[in-house]
Amino acid sequence: MGKRKSRAKPVANKKRVQKLDTVYTCPFCSHGQSVECEIDTKVMEGRVRCFICKESYATKITTLTEAIDIYSEWIDECIRVNQSDS
């Protein structure tokens, strides 16, 4: 005797999540790919540093913080300081 055919649905392909960059453009010297973000989960601190002009920024992080969050916060802080000087 034959086996009955199952009505199992085909498995859907999982969508691939694109990885975010960890190297960015410096807002001070405008060199591309010169800013690197480091996340230290032991101290709960995130650091951004430019290899060309040696500018840096450090901030407190949470467990959900990504490198792009630290870089965006640095850019926001630069804008805030520039507006307060005017």
N, C-alpha and C. Protein backbone atom coordinates (compact mmCIF):
# COMPACT_ATOMS: atom_id res chain seq x y z
N MET A 1 0.82 -1.18 0.00
CA MET A 1 0.00 0.00 0.00
C MET A 1 0.87 1.25 0.00
N GLY A 2 0.35 2.23 -0.66
CA GLY A 2 1.10 3.47 -0.79
C GLY A 2 0.85 4.43 0.37
N LYS A 3 1.77 5.32 0.53
CA LYS A 3 1.67 6.32 1.59
C LYS A 3 0.87 7.52 1.06
N ARG A 4 0.07 8.09 1.92
CA ARG A 4 -0.71 9.27 1.52
C ARG A 4 0.20 10.49 1.36
N LYS A 5 -0.14 11.32 0.41
CA LYS A 5 0.64 12.53 0.19
C LYS A 5 0.31 13.55 1.28
N SER A 6 1.35 14.16 1.81
CA SER A 6 1.13 15.18 2.84
C SER A 6 0.80 16.51 2.17
N ARG A 7 0.10 17.31 2.87
CA ARG A 7 -0.27 18.63 2.36
C ARG A 7 0.57 19.72 3.03
N ALA A 8 1.80 19.44 3.25
CA ALA A 8 2.70 20.40 3.89
C ALA A 8 2.95 21.57 2.95
N LYS A 9 2.92 22.74 3.52
CA LYS A 9 3.18 23.95 2.75
C LYS A 9 4.68 24.09 2.54
N PRO A 10 5.08 24.62 1.41
CA PRO A 10 6.51 24.82 1.20
C PRO A 10 7.05 25.88 2.17
N VAL A 11 8.28 25.70 2.59
CA VAL A 11 8.91 26.61 3.54
C VAL A 11 9.25 27.91 2.82
N ALA A 12 8.82 29.02 3.41
CA ALA A 12 9.10 30.33 2.83
C ALA A 12 10.54 30.73 3.11
N ASN A 13 11.17 31.37 2.16
CA ASN A 13 12.54 31.85 2.34
C ASN A 13 12.55 33.00 3.34
N LYS A 14 13.52 32.99 4.24
CA LYS A 14 13.64 34.08 5.20
C LYS A 14 14.31 35.26 4.53
N LYS A 15 13.84 36.45 4.87
CA LYS A 15 14.44 37.66 4.32
C LYS A 15 15.78 37.89 5.01
N ARG A 16 16.76 38.23 4.23
CA ARG A 16 18.09 38.50 4.79
C ARG A 16 18.14 39.94 5.26
N VAL A 17 18.69 40.12 6.44
CA VAL A 17 18.83 41.45 7.01
C VAL A 17 20.18 42.00 6.60
N GLN A 18 20.17 43.19 6.03
CA GLN A 18 21.42 43.80 5.62
C GLN A 18 22.18 44.29 6.85
N LYS A 19 23.48 44.04 6.88
CA LYS A 19 24.30 44.50 7.98
C LYS A 19 24.58 45.99 7.79
N LEU A 20 24.56 46.71 8.90
CA LEU A 20 24.84 48.13 8.86
C LEU A 20 26.34 48.38 8.86
N ASP A 21 26.75 49.50 8.28
CA ASP A 21 28.17 49.85 8.25
C ASP A 21 28.69 50.16 9.65
N THR A 22 29.98 49.97 9.85
CA THR A 22 30.63 50.37 11.10
C THR A 22 31.70 51.41 10.83
N VAL A 23 31.91 51.78 9.58
CA VAL A 23 32.89 52.80 9.19
C VAL A 23 32.15 53.89 8.42
N TYR A 24 32.43 55.16 8.80
CA TYR A 24 31.65 56.27 8.26
C TYR A 24 32.55 57.41 7.80
N THR A 25 31.94 58.47 7.28
CA THR A 25 32.63 59.68 6.84
C THR A 25 32.74 60.65 8.01
N CYS A 26 33.89 61.27 8.15
CA CYS A 26 34.12 62.22 9.24
C CYS A 26 33.45 63.56 8.92
N PRO A 27 32.69 64.13 9.87
CA PRO A 27 32.05 65.43 9.61
C PRO A 27 33.03 66.59 9.69
N PHE A 28 34.21 66.40 10.26
CA PHE A 28 35.19 67.48 10.41
C PHE A 28 36.15 67.55 9.22
N CYS A 29 36.74 66.41 8.84
CA CYS A 29 37.72 66.43 7.76
C CYS A 29 37.16 65.89 6.44
N SER A 30 35.96 65.36 6.43
CA SER A 30 35.24 64.87 5.26
C SER A 30 35.94 63.73 4.53
N HIS A 31 36.77 62.99 5.22
CA HIS A 31 37.39 61.80 4.63
C HIS A 31 36.41 60.65 4.73
N GLY A 32 36.20 59.97 3.62
CA GLY A 32 35.31 58.82 3.62
C GLY A 32 35.97 57.62 4.26
N GLN A 33 35.21 56.83 4.94
CA GLN A 33 35.67 55.59 5.56
C GLN A 33 36.80 55.81 6.56
N SER A 34 36.78 56.93 7.30
CA SER A 34 37.85 57.21 8.26
C SER A 34 37.37 57.19 9.71
N VAL A 35 36.08 57.09 9.93
CA VAL A 35 35.53 57.07 11.28
C VAL A 35 35.09 55.65 11.62
N GLU A 36 35.56 55.16 12.76
CA GLU A 36 35.19 53.83 13.20
C GLU A 36 34.50 53.90 14.55
N CYS A 37 33.47 53.10 14.71
CA CYS A 37 32.72 53.03 15.96
C CYS A 37 33.13 51.79 16.74
N GLU A 38 33.33 51.97 18.03
CA GLU A 38 33.65 50.86 18.92
C GLU A 38 32.62 50.83 20.03
N ILE A 39 32.14 49.64 20.35
CA ILE A 39 31.16 49.47 21.41
C ILE A 39 31.77 48.60 22.49
N ASP A 40 31.87 49.15 23.71
CA ASP A 40 32.41 48.41 24.85
C ASP A 40 31.25 48.08 25.78
N THR A 41 30.79 46.84 25.73
CA THR A 41 29.62 46.45 26.52
C THR A 41 29.95 46.24 27.99
N LYS A 42 31.21 46.03 28.32
CA LYS A 42 31.57 45.87 29.73
C LYS A 42 31.44 47.19 30.49
N VAL A 43 31.86 48.27 29.85
CA VAL A 43 31.79 49.59 30.47
C VAL A 43 30.51 50.32 30.07
N MET A 44 29.79 49.77 29.07
CA MET A 44 28.58 50.38 28.52
C MET A 44 28.88 51.77 27.96
N GLU A 45 29.89 51.80 27.10
CA GLU A 45 30.31 53.05 26.49
C GLU A 45 30.56 52.82 25.00
N GLY A 46 30.14 53.78 24.19
CA GLY A 46 30.40 53.73 22.76
C GLY A 46 31.32 54.86 22.36
N ARG A 47 32.30 54.56 21.50
CA ARG A 47 33.27 55.56 21.08
C ARG A 47 33.32 55.63 19.56
N VAL A 48 33.48 56.86 19.07
CA VAL A 48 33.63 57.12 17.64
C VAL A 48 34.92 57.91 17.50
N ARG A 49 35.78 57.49 16.52
CA ARG A 49 37.07 58.16 16.36
C ARG A 49 37.45 58.22 14.89
N CYS A 50 37.96 59.38 14.48
CA CYS A 50 38.46 59.56 13.12
C CYS A 50 39.96 59.30 13.12
N PHE A 51 40.43 58.48 12.17
CA PHE A 51 41.84 58.16 12.09
C PHE A 51 42.66 59.28 11.47
N ILE A 52 42.03 60.15 10.72
CA ILE A 52 42.75 61.21 10.00
C ILE A 52 42.95 62.44 10.90
N CYS A 53 41.85 63.01 11.40
CA CYS A 53 41.94 64.26 12.17
C CYS A 53 41.91 64.03 13.68
N LYS A 54 41.78 62.79 14.12
CA LYS A 54 41.84 62.39 15.54
C LYS A 54 40.68 62.95 16.38
N GLU A 55 39.60 63.37 15.74
CA GLU A 55 38.41 63.78 16.48
C GLU A 55 37.75 62.54 17.06
N SER A 56 37.15 62.69 18.25
CA SER A 56 36.51 61.53 18.87
C SER A 56 35.29 61.98 19.66
N TYR A 57 34.45 61.00 19.97
CA TYR A 57 33.23 61.24 20.73
C TYR A 57 32.92 59.97 21.50
N ALA A 58 32.50 60.11 22.75
CA ALA A 58 32.14 58.95 23.57
C ALA A 58 30.79 59.22 24.23
N THR A 59 30.00 58.16 24.39
CA THR A 59 28.69 58.29 25.00
C THR A 59 28.31 57.01 25.70
N LYS A 60 27.33 57.10 26.58
CA LYS A 60 26.79 55.92 27.26
C LYS A 60 25.91 55.17 26.29
N ILE A 61 25.87 53.84 26.40
CA ILE A 61 25.06 53.03 25.49
C ILE A 61 24.17 52.09 26.29
N THR A 62 23.25 51.46 25.59
CA THR A 62 22.42 50.40 26.15
C THR A 62 22.72 49.12 25.39
N THR A 63 22.07 48.05 25.77
CA THR A 63 22.31 46.78 25.09
C THR A 63 21.78 46.78 23.67
N LEU A 64 20.87 47.68 23.34
CA LEU A 64 20.28 47.74 22.00
C LEU A 64 21.00 48.70 21.07
N THR A 65 22.00 49.41 21.55
CA THR A 65 22.70 50.42 20.76
C THR A 65 23.56 49.76 19.69
N GLU A 66 23.51 50.31 18.48
CA GLU A 66 24.33 49.87 17.36
C GLU A 66 25.32 50.98 17.00
N ALA A 67 26.26 50.67 16.13
CA ALA A 67 27.29 51.63 15.73
C ALA A 67 26.68 52.86 15.05
N ILE A 68 25.66 52.66 14.26
CA ILE A 68 25.02 53.79 13.57
C ILE A 68 24.36 54.74 14.57
N ASP A 69 23.88 54.22 15.69
CA ASP A 69 23.27 55.06 16.72
C ASP A 69 24.29 56.00 17.34
N ILE A 70 25.48 55.49 17.60
CA ILE A 70 26.54 56.31 18.20
C ILE A 70 26.98 57.38 17.20
N TYR A 71 27.17 57.00 15.94
CA TYR A 71 27.58 57.97 14.91
C TYR A 71 26.51 59.05 14.74
N SER A 72 25.25 58.67 14.71
CA SER A 72 24.16 59.64 14.56
C SER A 72 24.10 60.59 15.74
N GLU A 73 24.34 60.07 16.93
CA GLU A 73 24.35 60.92 18.13
C GLU A 73 25.50 61.92 18.07
N TRP A 74 26.64 61.50 17.53
CA TRP A 74 27.79 62.39 17.36
C TRP A 74 27.46 63.51 16.38
N ILE A 75 26.84 63.17 15.27
CA ILE A 75 26.44 64.17 14.28
C ILE A 75 25.44 65.15 14.89
N ASP A 76 24.46 64.64 15.64
CA ASP A 76 23.47 65.51 16.30
C ASP A 76 24.15 66.45 17.29
N GLU A 77 25.13 65.95 18.03
CA GLU A 77 25.86 66.78 18.99
C GLU A 77 26.65 67.86 18.28
N CYS A 78 27.26 67.55 17.14
CA CYS A 78 27.99 68.54 16.34
C CYS A 78 27.05 69.65 15.87
N ILE A 79 25.88 69.27 15.40
CA ILE A 79 24.90 70.26 14.93
C ILE A 79 24.44 71.15 16.08
N ARG A 80 24.20 70.52 17.25
CA ARG A 80 23.72 71.27 18.42
C ARG A 80 24.78 72.28 18.86
N VAL A 81 26.06 71.90 18.90
CA VAL A 81 27.13 72.81 19.29
C VAL A 81 27.29 73.93 18.29
N ASN A 82 27.19 73.65 17.00
CA ASN A 82 27.32 74.68 15.97
C ASN A 82 26.18 75.68 16.04
N GLN A 83 24.96 75.23 16.36
CA GLN A 83 23.84 76.15 16.45
C GLN A 83 23.92 77.02 17.69
N SER A 84 24.47 76.51 18.78
CA SER A 84 24.58 77.30 20.00
C SER A 84 25.67 78.36 19.89
N ASP A 85 26.68 78.14 19.04
CA ASP A 85 27.75 79.12 18.82
C ASP A 85 27.24 80.32 18.03
N SER A 86 26.24 80.16 17.20
CA SER A 86 25.77 81.23 16.32
C SER A 86 25.07 82.32 17.07
